[in-house]
Amino acid sequence: MDTTTLIVSMSPHLRGKITVERMMLIFLISLAPAALAALYLFGIRALITILLAVVTAVVVETVIESLTHQKLTYRDYHAALIGLLFALILPPSVPWWIPVTGAGVAIILGKMVFGGLGNYPFNPVLVAWVVLTLSWGDRMSIFFSPHTTEQVLTPLMAIKEDPALFYSYELMDLFVGTQPGAIGCVCGVAILIGGLFMLTTTIIRWHIPISFLCGIALGAAILRVINPDIYPPVAFHLITGGTLFAALFLAPEPVTSPVTPTGMLTFGFLAGILTMIIRMWGGYPDGSFYAILVMNAATPLFNKLKPKPVGRR
């Protein structure tokens, strides 16, 4: 007698013709504009950081799977994607061992310890970023101006010290990549090009990016109304720091974000609001990475937010 084998796997459960390999390749292609902008703005430092992070992630995952007699999964490009994402949120000043350590932490602590792709509750890239930020905060908070090795404050760090300093920044200059910051987060144009490509290929849906930006915009608008002399305009918060990169590449990560439309909208909006709370009253200047990591913990709850059934039960 024929028997049917049921395979039970971790969420999210999505049906479609796209394969994991194709999805990861599209993610990598979408990150190409941001990576190329990083190479142009920060030169050989950015290239070394990217290569070290990507190679370390792939090697560490392959070694762990070999030692534990698991199927090798380096050909699905997920490890390479983790390495590239992690490299792009690092400052250009970091020494060589920071991307190596961080990529290893992302694979081991963020991914493999939970069972690999599809099983981890928190974004592995952000897990590694938080570990390194808490462990070597001084190394992770040194930023250079593009095309130079001059140590400067990022716009969000500057307004932490003096809120009125936002008047010294031109919004268009910040958008095209003249601001200091993480190597892959400073050029908003490049990030938007990659993000729009992912949206048009339906690799990600619009709900989380738009609601995340709306949450930040609402928080910034309320503060602006309260006191326009010390609180920057909405556009300043949308194009500085890791806002655009987080909205398009980190928050919609398929494994750690909700799968229902209502859940995605709630997830993104609350992450945006939390980002503004951390920026204004928290100890870290940006807040977008911390906010997404906190919201990852609530993803199972957001997945329960679904439309009511229509018709008779």
C-alpha atoms as a PDB file:
ATOM      1  CA  MET A   1       0.000   0.000   0.000  1.00  0.00           C
ATOM      2  CA  ASP A   2       1.292   3.429  -0.894  1.00  0.00           C
ATOM      3  CA  THR A   3       2.000   5.729   1.985  1.00  0.00           C
ATOM      4  CA  THR A   4       2.206   9.501   1.923  1.00  0.00           C
ATOM      5  CA  THR A   5       5.166  11.078   3.601  1.00  0.00           C
ATOM      6  CA  LEU A   6       4.470  14.382   5.292  1.00  0.00           C
ATOM      7  CA  ILE A   7       7.393  16.724   5.789  1.00  0.00           C
ATOM      8  CA  VAL A   8       6.995  19.140   8.680  1.00  0.00           C
ATOM      9  CA  SER A   9       9.271  22.155   8.499  1.00  0.00           C
ATOM     10  CA  MET A  10       9.636  25.522  10.178  1.00  0.00           C
ATOM     11  CA  SER A  11       7.692  28.549   8.995  1.00  0.00           C
ATOM     12  CA  PRO A  12       7.274  30.468   6.822  1.00  0.00           C
ATOM     13  CA  HIS A  13       5.481  28.100   4.470  1.00  0.00           C
ATOM     14  CA  LEU A  14       5.292  29.696   1.043  1.00  0.00           C
ATOM     15  CA  ARG A  15       4.329  28.033  -2.197  1.00  0.00           C
ATOM     16  CA  GLY A  16       5.899  29.086  -5.436  1.00  0.00           C
ATOM     17  CA  LYS A  17       8.193  28.125  -8.277  1.00  0.00           C
ATOM     18  CA  ILE A  18      11.141  30.161  -7.069  1.00  0.00           C
ATOM     19  CA  THR A  19      13.978  28.199  -5.490  1.00  0.00           C
ATOM     20  CA  VAL A  20      16.121  29.170  -2.518  1.00  0.00           C
ATOM     21  CA  GLU A  21      19.133  29.547  -4.812  1.00  0.00           C
ATOM     22  CA  ARG A  22      17.293  31.900  -7.134  1.00  0.00           C
ATOM     23  CA  MET A  23      15.960  33.957  -4.222  1.00  0.00           C
ATOM     24  CA  MET A  24      19.421  34.378  -2.721  1.00  0.00           C
ATOM     25  CA  LEU A  25      20.912  35.280  -6.103  1.00  0.00           C
ATOM     26  CA  ILE A  26      18.329  38.012  -6.544  1.00  0.00           C
ATOM     27  CA  PHE A  27      19.163  39.316  -3.064  1.00  0.00           C
ATOM     28  CA  LEU A  28      22.859  39.371  -3.980  1.00  0.00           C
ATOM     29  CA  ILE A  29      22.173  41.130  -7.282  1.00  0.00           C
ATOM     30  CA  SER A  30      20.024  43.680  -5.450  1.00  0.00           C
ATOM     31  CA  LEU A  31      22.907  44.420  -3.094  1.00  0.00           C
ATOM     32  CA  ALA A  32      25.303  45.026  -5.986  1.00  0.00           C
ATOM     33  CA  PRO A  33      24.542  48.781  -6.320  1.00  0.00           C
ATOM     34  CA  ALA A  34      25.149  49.358  -2.602  1.00  0.00           C
ATOM     35  CA  ALA A  35      28.341  47.278  -2.735  1.00  0.00           C
ATOM     36  CA  LEU A  36      29.632  49.150  -5.779  1.00  0.00           C
ATOM     37  CA  ALA A  37      28.835  52.474  -4.111  1.00  0.00           C
ATOM     38  CA  ALA A  38      30.769  51.287  -1.042  1.00  0.00           C
ATOM     39  CA  LEU A  39      33.793  50.482  -3.218  1.00  0.00           C
ATOM     40  CA  TYR A  40      33.614  53.893  -4.879  1.00  0.00           C
ATOM     41  CA  LEU A  41      33.179  55.831  -1.625  1.00  0.00           C
ATOM     42  CA  PHE A  42      35.566  53.909   0.647  1.00  0.00           C
ATOM     43  CA  GLY A  43      37.910  52.152  -1.763  1.00  0.00           C
ATOM     44  CA  ILE A  44      40.122  49.225  -0.834  1.00  0.00           C
ATOM     45  CA  ARG A  45      38.933  49.216   2.789  1.00  0.00           C
ATOM     46  CA  ALA A  46      35.402  48.359   1.684  1.00  0.00           C
ATOM     47  CA  LEU A  47      36.635  45.681  -0.721  1.00  0.00           C
ATOM     48  CA  ILE A  48      38.701  43.948   1.965  1.00  0.00           C
ATOM     49  CA  THR A  49      35.833  44.071   4.443  1.00  0.00           C
ATOM     50  CA  ILE A  50      33.379  42.568   1.949  1.00  0.00           C
ATOM     51  CA  LEU A  51      35.736  39.801   0.825  1.00  0.00           C
ATOM     52  CA  LEU A  52      36.674  38.800   4.371  1.00  0.00           C
ATOM     53  CA  ALA A  53      33.056  38.681   5.555  1.00  0.00           C
ATOM     54  CA  VAL A  54      31.744  36.699   2.566  1.00  0.00           C
ATOM     55  CA  VAL A  55      34.586  34.177   2.515  1.00  0.00           C
ATOM     56  CA  THR A  56      34.444  33.663   6.278  1.00  0.00           C
ATOM     57  CA  ALA A  57      30.685  33.075   6.247  1.00  0.00           C
ATOM     58  CA  VAL A  58      30.897  30.469   3.472  1.00  0.00           C
ATOM     59  CA  VAL A  59      33.908  28.690   4.992  1.00  0.00           C
ATOM     60  CA  VAL A  60      32.497  28.565   8.527  1.00  0.00           C
ATOM     61  CA  GLU A  61      29.157  27.187   7.353  1.00  0.00           C
ATOM     62  CA  THR A  62      30.855  24.555   5.167  1.00  0.00           C
ATOM     63  CA  VAL A  63      33.173  23.440   7.983  1.00  0.00           C
ATOM     64  CA  ILE A  64      30.316  23.098  10.469  1.00  0.00           C
ATOM     65  CA  GLU A  65      28.197  21.083   8.026  1.00  0.00           C
ATOM     66  CA  SER A  66      31.154  18.852   7.186  1.00  0.00           C
ATOM     67  CA  LEU A  67      31.973  18.172  10.850  1.00  0.00           C
ATOM     68  CA  THR A  68      28.331  17.414  11.678  1.00  0.00           C
ATOM     69  CA  HIS A  69      27.826  15.262   8.556  1.00  0.00           C
ATOM     70  CA  GLN A  70      25.138  17.491   7.127  1.00  0.00           C
ATOM     71  CA  LYS A  71      24.431  18.252   3.511  1.00  0.00           C
ATOM     72  CA  LEU A  72      26.645  21.079   2.269  1.00  0.00           C
ATOM     73  CA  THR A  73      24.514  24.119   1.486  1.00  0.00           C
ATOM     74  CA  TYR A  74      27.069  26.675   0.300  1.00  0.00           C
ATOM     75  CA  ARG A  75      25.566  26.456  -3.186  1.00  0.00           C
ATOM     76  CA  ASP A  76      22.316  28.049  -2.014  1.00  0.00           C
ATOM     77  CA  TYR A  77      24.290  31.337  -1.576  1.00  0.00           C
ATOM     78  CA  HIS A  78      22.684  32.069   1.789  1.00  0.00           C
ATOM     79  CA  ALA A  79      26.007  32.129   3.639  1.00  0.00           C
ATOM     80  CA  ALA A  80      27.437  34.491   1.026  1.00  0.00           C
ATOM     81  CA  LEU A  81      24.396  36.730   1.423  1.00  0.00           C
ATOM     82  CA  ILE A  82      24.845  36.844   5.201  1.00  0.00           C
ATOM     83  CA  GLY A  83      28.496  37.771   4.777  1.00  0.00           C
ATOM     84  CA  LEU A  84      27.748  40.541   2.289  1.00  0.00           C
ATOM     85  CA  LEU A  85      24.911  42.013   4.356  1.00  0.00           C
ATOM     86  CA  PHE A  86      27.074  42.031   7.446  1.00  0.00           C
ATOM     87  CA  ALA A  87      29.972  43.688   5.641  1.00  0.00           C
ATOM     88  CA  LEU A  88      27.743  46.463   4.314  1.00  0.00           C
ATOM     89  CA  ILE A  89      26.608  47.538   7.795  1.00  0.00           C
ATOM     90  CA  LEU A  90      30.165  47.854   9.135  1.00  0.00           C
ATOM     91  CA  PRO A  91      32.072  51.142   9.470  1.00  0.00           C
ATOM     92  CA  PRO A  92      34.903  51.618   6.949  1.00  0.00           C
ATOM     93  CA  SER A  93      37.430  51.903   9.793  1.00  0.00           C
ATOM     94  CA  VAL A  94      37.139  48.371  11.208  1.00  0.00           C
ATOM     95  CA  PRO A  95      40.264  46.170  11.349  1.00  0.00           C
ATOM     96  CA  TRP A  96      40.368  42.910   9.403  1.00  0.00           C
ATOM     97  CA  TRP A  97      39.333  40.719  12.322  1.00  0.00           C
ATOM     98  CA  ILE A  98      35.994  42.485  12.817  1.00  0.00           C
ATOM     99  CA  PRO A  99      34.353  41.185   9.570  1.00  0.00           C
ATOM    100  CA  VAL A 100      35.930  37.768  10.170  1.00  0.00           C
ATOM    101  CA  THR A 101      34.623  37.541  13.741  1.00  0.00           C
ATOM    102  CA  GLY A 102      31.242  38.986  12.856  1.00  0.00           C
ATOM    103  CA  ALA A 103      30.632  36.700   9.897  1.00  0.00           C
ATOM    104  CA  GLY A 104      31.553  33.705  12.048  1.00  0.00           C
ATOM    105  CA  VAL A 105      29.165  34.823  14.786  1.00  0.00           C
ATOM    106  CA  ALA A 106      26.380  35.353  12.249  1.00  0.00           C
ATOM    107  CA  ILE A 107      26.732  31.818  10.911  1.00  0.00           C
ATOM    108  CA  ILE A 108      27.352  30.006  14.204  1.00  0.00           C
ATOM    109  CA  LEU A 109      25.286  31.935  16.743  1.00  0.00           C
ATOM    110  CA  GLY A 110      22.748  33.478  14.409  1.00  0.00           C
ATOM    111  CA  LYS A 111      22.047  30.581  12.040  1.00  0.00           C
ATOM    112  CA  MET A 112      23.544  27.133  12.623  1.00  0.00           C
ATOM    113  CA  VAL A 113      22.856  26.844  16.348  1.00  0.00           C
ATOM    114  CA  PHE A 114      19.122  27.036  15.555  1.00  0.00           C
ATOM    115  CA  GLY A 115      19.243  24.450  12.775  1.00  0.00           C
ATOM    116  CA  GLY A 116      20.160  26.446   9.692  1.00  0.00           C
ATOM    117  CA  LEU A 117      18.159  28.292   7.070  1.00  0.00           C
ATOM    118  CA  GLY A 118      14.495  28.663   7.966  1.00  0.00           C
ATOM    119  CA  ASN A 119      14.867  27.919  11.677  1.00  0.00           C
ATOM    120  CA  TYR A 120      16.521  30.942  13.268  1.00  0.00           C
ATOM    121  CA  PRO A 121      14.275  33.416  15.148  1.00  0.00           C
ATOM    122  CA  PHE A 122      16.526  36.474  14.808  1.00  0.00           C
ATOM    123  CA  ASN A 123      18.203  37.962  11.770  1.00  0.00           C
ATOM    124  CA  PRO A 124      21.739  36.449  11.851  1.00  0.00           C
ATOM    125  CA  VAL A 125      23.291  39.617  10.433  1.00  0.00           C
ATOM    126  CA  LEU A 126      21.850  41.744  13.231  1.00  0.00           C
ATOM    127  CA  VAL A 127      22.769  39.174  15.870  1.00  0.00           C
ATOM    128  CA  ALA A 128      26.407  39.469  14.795  1.00  0.00           C
ATOM    129  CA  TRP A 129      26.214  43.257  14.600  1.00  0.00           C
ATOM    130  CA  VAL A 130      24.854  43.514  18.150  1.00  0.00           C
ATOM    131  CA  VAL A 131      27.478  41.104  19.509  1.00  0.00           C
ATOM    132  CA  LEU A 132      30.295  43.134  17.976  1.00  0.00           C
ATOM    133  CA  THR A 133      28.783  46.488  18.960  1.00  0.00           C
ATOM    134  CA  LEU A 134      28.450  45.398  22.579  1.00  0.00           C
ATOM    135  CA  SER A 135      31.885  43.764  22.624  1.00  0.00           C
ATOM    136  CA  TRP A 136      33.950  46.342  20.731  1.00  0.00           C
ATOM    137  CA  GLY A 137      31.836  49.483  20.789  1.00  0.00           C
ATOM    138  CA  ASP A 138      34.810  51.765  20.222  1.00  0.00           C
ATOM    139  CA  ARG A 139      35.827  49.888  17.065  1.00  0.00           C
ATOM    140  CA  MET A 140      32.262  49.922  15.744  1.00  0.00           C
ATOM    141  CA  SER A 141      31.727  53.650  16.243  1.00  0.00           C
ATOM    142  CA  ILE A 142      34.642  55.111  14.243  1.00  0.00           C
ATOM    143  CA  PHE A 143      33.528  56.470  10.873  1.00  0.00           C
ATOM    144  CA  PHE A 144      35.349  58.105   7.980  1.00  0.00           C
ATOM    145  CA  SER A 145      34.215  60.646   5.453  1.00  0.00           C
ATOM    146  CA  PRO A 146      33.866  59.151   1.949  1.00  0.00           C
ATOM    147  CA  HIS A 147      37.089  59.184  -0.108  1.00  0.00           C
ATOM    148  CA  THR A 148      39.130  60.051   2.999  1.00  0.00           C
ATOM    149  CA  THR A 149      40.380  58.561   6.241  1.00  0.00           C
ATOM    150  CA  GLU A 150      39.292  61.601   8.234  1.00  0.00           C
ATOM    151  CA  GLN A 151      37.459  60.510  11.373  1.00  0.00           C
ATOM    152  CA  VAL A 152      34.113  62.294  11.710  1.00  0.00           C
ATOM    153  CA  LEU A 153      30.737  61.862  13.367  1.00  0.00           C
ATOM    154  CA  THR A 154      27.805  60.492  11.404  1.00  0.00           C
ATOM    155  CA  PRO A 155      24.815  62.847  11.091  1.00  0.00           C
ATOM    156  CA  LEU A 156      22.870  60.919  13.736  1.00  0.00           C
ATOM    157  CA  MET A 157      25.864  60.929  16.091  1.00  0.00           C
ATOM    158  CA  ALA A 158      26.241  64.672  15.549  1.00  0.00           C
ATOM    159  CA  ILE A 159      22.660  65.545  16.440  1.00  0.00           C
ATOM    160  CA  LYS A 160      22.983  63.403  19.567  1.00  0.00           C
ATOM    161  CA  GLU A 161      25.622  65.870  20.749  1.00  0.00           C
ATOM    162  CA  ASP A 162      23.941  68.994  19.390  1.00  0.00           C
ATOM    163  CA  PRO A 163      20.432  68.712  17.863  1.00  0.00           C
ATOM    164  CA  ALA A 164      20.853  71.987  15.981  1.00  0.00           C
ATOM    165  CA  LEU A 165      23.651  70.504  13.859  1.00  0.00           C
ATOM    166  CA  PHE A 166      21.144  69.044  11.396  1.00  0.00           C
ATOM    167  CA  TYR A 167      21.033  72.484   9.780  1.00  0.00           C
ATOM    168  CA  SER A 168      24.603  71.942   8.574  1.00  0.00           C
ATOM    169  CA  TYR A 169      23.628  68.991   6.352  1.00  0.00           C
ATOM    170  CA  GLU A 170      22.202  69.205   2.848  1.00  0.00           C
ATOM    171  CA  LEU A 171      19.572  66.503   2.348  1.00  0.00           C
ATOM    172  CA  MET A 172      20.542  65.821  -1.261  1.00  0.00           C
ATOM    173  CA  ASP A 173      24.186  65.389  -0.291  1.00  0.00           C
ATOM    174  CA  LEU A 174      23.163  62.860   2.333  1.00  0.00           C
ATOM    175  CA  PHE A 175      21.004  60.996  -0.164  1.00  0.00           C
ATOM    176  CA  VAL A 176      23.705  60.560  -2.809  1.00  0.00           C
ATOM    177  CA  GLY A 177      26.372  59.320  -0.422  1.00  0.00           C
ATOM    178  CA  THR A 178      28.503  62.116   0.990  1.00  0.00           C
ATOM    179  CA  GLN A 179      27.588  61.297   4.582  1.00  0.00           C
ATOM    180  CA  PRO A 180      29.857  59.206   6.823  1.00  0.00           C
ATOM    181  CA  GLY A 181      28.395  55.912   7.935  1.00  0.00           C
ATOM    182  CA  ALA A 182      28.432  52.178   7.354  1.00  0.00           C
ATOM    183  CA  ILE A 183      29.988  51.330   4.002  1.00  0.00           C
ATOM    184  CA  GLY A 184      26.768  50.060   2.406  1.00  0.00           C
ATOM    185  CA  CYS A 185      24.292  52.424   4.064  1.00  0.00           C
ATOM    186  CA  VAL A 186      25.495  55.867   3.000  1.00  0.00           C
ATOM    187  CA  CYS A 187      24.284  55.989  -0.612  1.00  0.00           C
ATOM    188  CA  GLY A 188      20.491  56.108  -0.603  1.00  0.00           C
ATOM    189  CA  VAL A 189      20.298  56.085  -4.401  1.00  0.00           C
ATOM    190  CA  ALA A 190      22.125  52.756  -4.651  1.00  0.00           C
ATOM    191  CA  ILE A 191      20.024  51.216  -1.886  1.00  0.00           C
ATOM    192  CA  LEU A 192      16.768  52.285  -3.536  1.00  0.00           C
ATOM    193  CA  ILE A 193      17.845  50.861  -6.895  1.00  0.00           C
ATOM    194  CA  GLY A 194      18.484  47.466  -5.321  1.00  0.00           C
ATOM    195  CA  GLY A 195      15.337  47.626  -3.233  1.00  0.00           C
ATOM    196  CA  LEU A 196      13.122  48.476  -6.195  1.00  0.00           C
ATOM    197  CA  PHE A 197      14.619  45.543  -8.092  1.00  0.00           C
ATOM    198  CA  MET A 198      13.629  43.192  -5.274  1.00  0.00           C
ATOM    199  CA  LEU A 199      10.138  44.642  -5.126  1.00  0.00           C
ATOM    200  CA  THR A 200       9.607  44.276  -8.877  1.00  0.00           C
ATOM    201  CA  THR A 201      10.801  40.659  -8.743  1.00  0.00           C
ATOM    202  CA  THR A 202       8.445  40.073  -5.761  1.00  0.00           C
ATOM    203  CA  ILE A 203      11.283  38.681  -3.638  1.00  0.00           C
ATOM    204  CA  ILE A 204      10.049  41.024  -0.923  1.00  0.00           C
ATOM    205  CA  ARG A 205       6.648  42.643  -0.571  1.00  0.00           C
ATOM    206  CA  TRP A 206       5.994  46.317  -0.021  1.00  0.00           C
ATOM    207  CA  HIS A 207       4.317  46.016   3.357  1.00  0.00           C
ATOM    208  CA  ILE A 208       7.333  45.978   5.691  1.00  0.00           C
ATOM    209  CA  PRO A 209       9.517  48.581   3.900  1.00  0.00           C
ATOM    210  CA  ILE A 210       6.661  51.068   3.530  1.00  0.00           C
ATOM    211  CA  SER A 211       5.265  50.603   7.047  1.00  0.00           C
ATOM    212  CA  PHE A 212       8.782  50.813   8.530  1.00  0.00           C
ATOM    213  CA  LEU A 213       9.418  54.119   6.786  1.00  0.00           C
ATOM    214  CA  CYS A 214       5.940  55.343   7.777  1.00  0.00           C
ATOM    215  CA  GLY A 215       6.650  54.568  11.425  1.00  0.00           C
ATOM    216  CA  ILE A 216       9.873  56.574  11.303  1.00  0.00           C
ATOM    217  CA  ALA A 217       8.158  59.395   9.393  1.00  0.00           C
ATOM    218  CA  LEU A 218       5.306  59.595  11.894  1.00  0.00           C
ATOM    219  CA  GLY A 219       7.660  59.695  14.873  1.00  0.00           C
ATOM    220  CA  ALA A 220       9.847  62.326  13.229  1.00  0.00           C
ATOM    221  CA  ALA A 221       6.816  64.421  12.221  1.00  0.00           C
ATOM    222  CA  ILE A 222       5.411  64.445  15.761  1.00  0.00           C
ATOM    223  CA  LEU A 223       8.744  65.540  17.210  1.00  0.00           C
ATOM    224  CA  ARG A 224       9.095  68.168  14.484  1.00  0.00           C
ATOM    225  CA  VAL A 225       5.735  69.650  15.384  1.00  0.00           C
ATOM    226  CA  ILE A 226       6.648  69.708  19.070  1.00  0.00           C
ATOM    227  CA  ASN A 227       9.888  71.638  18.535  1.00  0.00           C
ATOM    228  CA  PRO A 228      11.184  72.311  15.000  1.00  0.00           C
ATOM    229  CA  ASP A 229      14.288  74.034  16.361  1.00  0.00           C
ATOM    230  CA  ILE A 230      15.881  70.916  17.831  1.00  0.00           C
ATOM    231  CA  TYR A 231      14.227  68.030  15.972  1.00  0.00           C
ATOM    232  CA  PRO A 232      15.291  67.346  12.353  1.00  0.00           C
ATOM    233  CA  PRO A 233      12.722  67.123   9.529  1.00  0.00           C
ATOM    234  CA  VAL A 234      11.219  63.834   8.421  1.00  0.00           C
ATOM    235  CA  ALA A 235      13.426  63.561   5.322  1.00  0.00           C
ATOM    236  CA  PHE A 236      16.562  63.770   7.468  1.00  0.00           C
ATOM    237  CA  HIS A 237      15.585  60.657   9.441  1.00  0.00           C
ATOM    238  CA  LEU A 238      14.547  58.744   6.326  1.00  0.00           C
ATOM    239  CA  ILE A 239      17.853  59.106   4.470  1.00  0.00           C
ATOM    240  CA  THR A 240      20.417  59.014   7.281  1.00  0.00           C
ATOM    241  CA  GLY A 241      21.915  56.108   9.177  1.00  0.00           C
ATOM    242  CA  GLY A 242      20.759  52.634   8.304  1.00  0.00           C
ATOM    243  CA  THR A 243      17.125  53.573   7.629  1.00  0.00           C
ATOM    244  CA  LEU A 244      16.830  52.700   3.937  1.00  0.00           C
ATOM    245  CA  PHE A 245      19.114  49.681   4.167  1.00  0.00           C
ATOM    246  CA  ALA A 246      17.204  48.339   7.149  1.00  0.00           C
ATOM    247  CA  ALA A 247      13.825  48.948   5.505  1.00  0.00           C
ATOM    248  CA  LEU A 248      14.671  47.160   2.247  1.00  0.00           C
ATOM    249  CA  PHE A 249      17.233  44.491   3.133  1.00  0.00           C
ATOM    250  CA  LEU A 250      17.086  43.672   6.850  1.00  0.00           C
ATOM    251  CA  ALA A 251      13.510  44.116   8.064  1.00  0.00           C
ATOM    252  CA  PRO A 252      11.869  42.053   5.238  1.00  0.00           C
ATOM    253  CA  GLU A 253      14.241  39.084   5.775  1.00  0.00           C
ATOM    254  CA  PRO A 254      11.927  36.144   4.893  1.00  0.00           C
ATOM    255  CA  VAL A 255      12.648  33.856   7.871  1.00  0.00           C
ATOM    256  CA  THR A 256      12.436  36.388  10.700  1.00  0.00           C
ATOM    257  CA  SER A 257       9.585  38.599   9.483  1.00  0.00           C
ATOM    258  CA  PRO A 258       5.825  37.930   9.443  1.00  0.00           C
ATOM    259  CA  VAL A 259       4.114  36.369   6.449  1.00  0.00           C
ATOM    260  CA  THR A 260       0.598  37.824   6.743  1.00  0.00           C
ATOM    261  CA  PRO A 261      -0.125  41.296   5.327  1.00  0.00           C
ATOM    262  CA  THR A 262      -1.486  42.591   8.623  1.00  0.00           C
ATOM    263  CA  GLY A 263       1.438  41.116  10.508  1.00  0.00           C
ATOM    264  CA  MET A 264       3.948  42.658   8.104  1.00  0.00           C
ATOM    265  CA  LEU A 265       2.369  46.100   8.366  1.00  0.00           C
ATOM    266  CA  THR A 266       2.324  45.929  12.162  1.00  0.00           C
ATOM    267  CA  PHE A 267       5.884  44.611  12.310  1.00  0.00           C
ATOM    268  CA  GLY A 268       7.265  47.357  10.086  1.00  0.00           C
ATOM    269  CA  PHE A 269       5.341  50.211  11.678  1.00  0.00           C
ATOM    270  CA  LEU A 270       6.281  49.297  15.249  1.00  0.00           C
ATOM    271  CA  ALA A 271       9.914  48.791  14.204  1.00  0.00           C
ATOM    272  CA  GLY A 272       9.885  52.308  12.738  1.00  0.00           C
ATOM    273  CA  ILE A 273       8.389  53.809  15.887  1.00  0.00           C
ATOM    274  CA  LEU A 274      10.901  51.957  18.055  1.00  0.00           C
ATOM    275  CA  THR A 275      13.714  53.228  15.839  1.00  0.00           C
ATOM    276  CA  MET A 276      12.699  56.809  16.561  1.00  0.00           C
ATOM    277  CA  ILE A 277      12.417  56.146  20.290  1.00  0.00           C
ATOM    278  CA  ILE A 278      15.952  54.746  20.377  1.00  0.00           C
ATOM    279  CA  ARG A 279      17.298  57.593  18.242  1.00  0.00           C
ATOM    280  CA  MET A 280      15.828  60.311  20.408  1.00  0.00           C
ATOM    281  CA  TRP A 281      16.104  58.866  23.906  1.00  0.00           C
ATOM    282  CA  GLY A 282      18.239  55.725  23.636  1.00  0.00           C
ATOM    283  CA  GLY A 283      21.951  55.331  24.053  1.00  0.00           C
ATOM    284  CA  TYR A 284      22.681  54.446  20.414  1.00  0.00           C
ATOM    285  CA  PRO A 285      22.479  57.120  17.686  1.00  0.00           C
ATOM    286  CA  ASP A 286      20.682  55.085  15.010  1.00  0.00           C
ATOM    287  CA  GLY A 287      18.388  52.456  16.484  1.00  0.00           C
ATOM    288  CA  SER A 288      17.053  50.839  13.302  1.00  0.00           C
ATOM    289  CA  PHE A 289      19.083  47.619  13.701  1.00  0.00           C
ATOM    290  CA  TYR A 290      18.144  47.228  17.360  1.00  0.00           C
ATOM    291  CA  ALA A 291      14.478  47.889  16.566  1.00  0.00           C
ATOM    292  CA  ILE A 292      14.314  45.165  13.915  1.00  0.00           C
ATOM    293  CA  LEU A 293      16.002  42.653  16.214  1.00  0.00           C
ATOM    294  CA  VAL A 294      13.459  43.369  18.955  1.00  0.00           C
ATOM    295  CA  MET A 295      10.578  42.996  16.509  1.00  0.00           C
ATOM    296  CA  ASN A 296      11.988  39.632  15.325  1.00  0.00           C
ATOM    297  CA  ALA A 297      11.134  38.277  18.775  1.00  0.00           C
ATOM    298  CA  ALA A 298       7.474  39.188  18.231  1.00  0.00           C
ATOM    299  CA  THR A 299       7.185  37.717  14.716  1.00  0.00           C
ATOM    300  CA  PRO A 300       5.226  34.612  15.882  1.00  0.00           C
ATOM    301  CA  LEU A 301       2.676  36.958  17.446  1.00  0.00           C
ATOM    302  CA  PHE A 302       2.432  39.083  14.292  1.00  0.00           C
ATOM    303  CA  ASN A 303       1.822  35.933  12.233  1.00  0.00           C
ATOM    304  CA  LYS A 304      -1.386  35.386  14.207  1.00  0.00           C
ATOM    305  CA  LEU A 305      -2.743  38.696  12.924  1.00  0.00           C
ATOM    306  CA  LYS A 306      -4.699  37.508   9.920  1.00  0.00           C
ATOM    307  CA  PRO A 307      -7.969  38.378   8.152  1.00  0.00           C
ATOM    308  CA  LYS A 308     -11.159  36.856   9.444  1.00  0.00           C
ATOM    309  CA  PRO A 309     -12.496  33.978   7.309  1.00  0.00           C
ATOM    310  CA  VAL A 310     -15.210  34.919   4.842  1.00  0.00           C
ATOM    311  CA  GLY A 311     -18.304  32.761   4.540  1.00  0.00           C
ATOM    312  CA  ARG A 312     -19.609  29.867   6.601  1.00  0.00           C
ATOM    313  CA  ARG A 313     -17.319  27.808   8.801  1.00  0.00           C
END
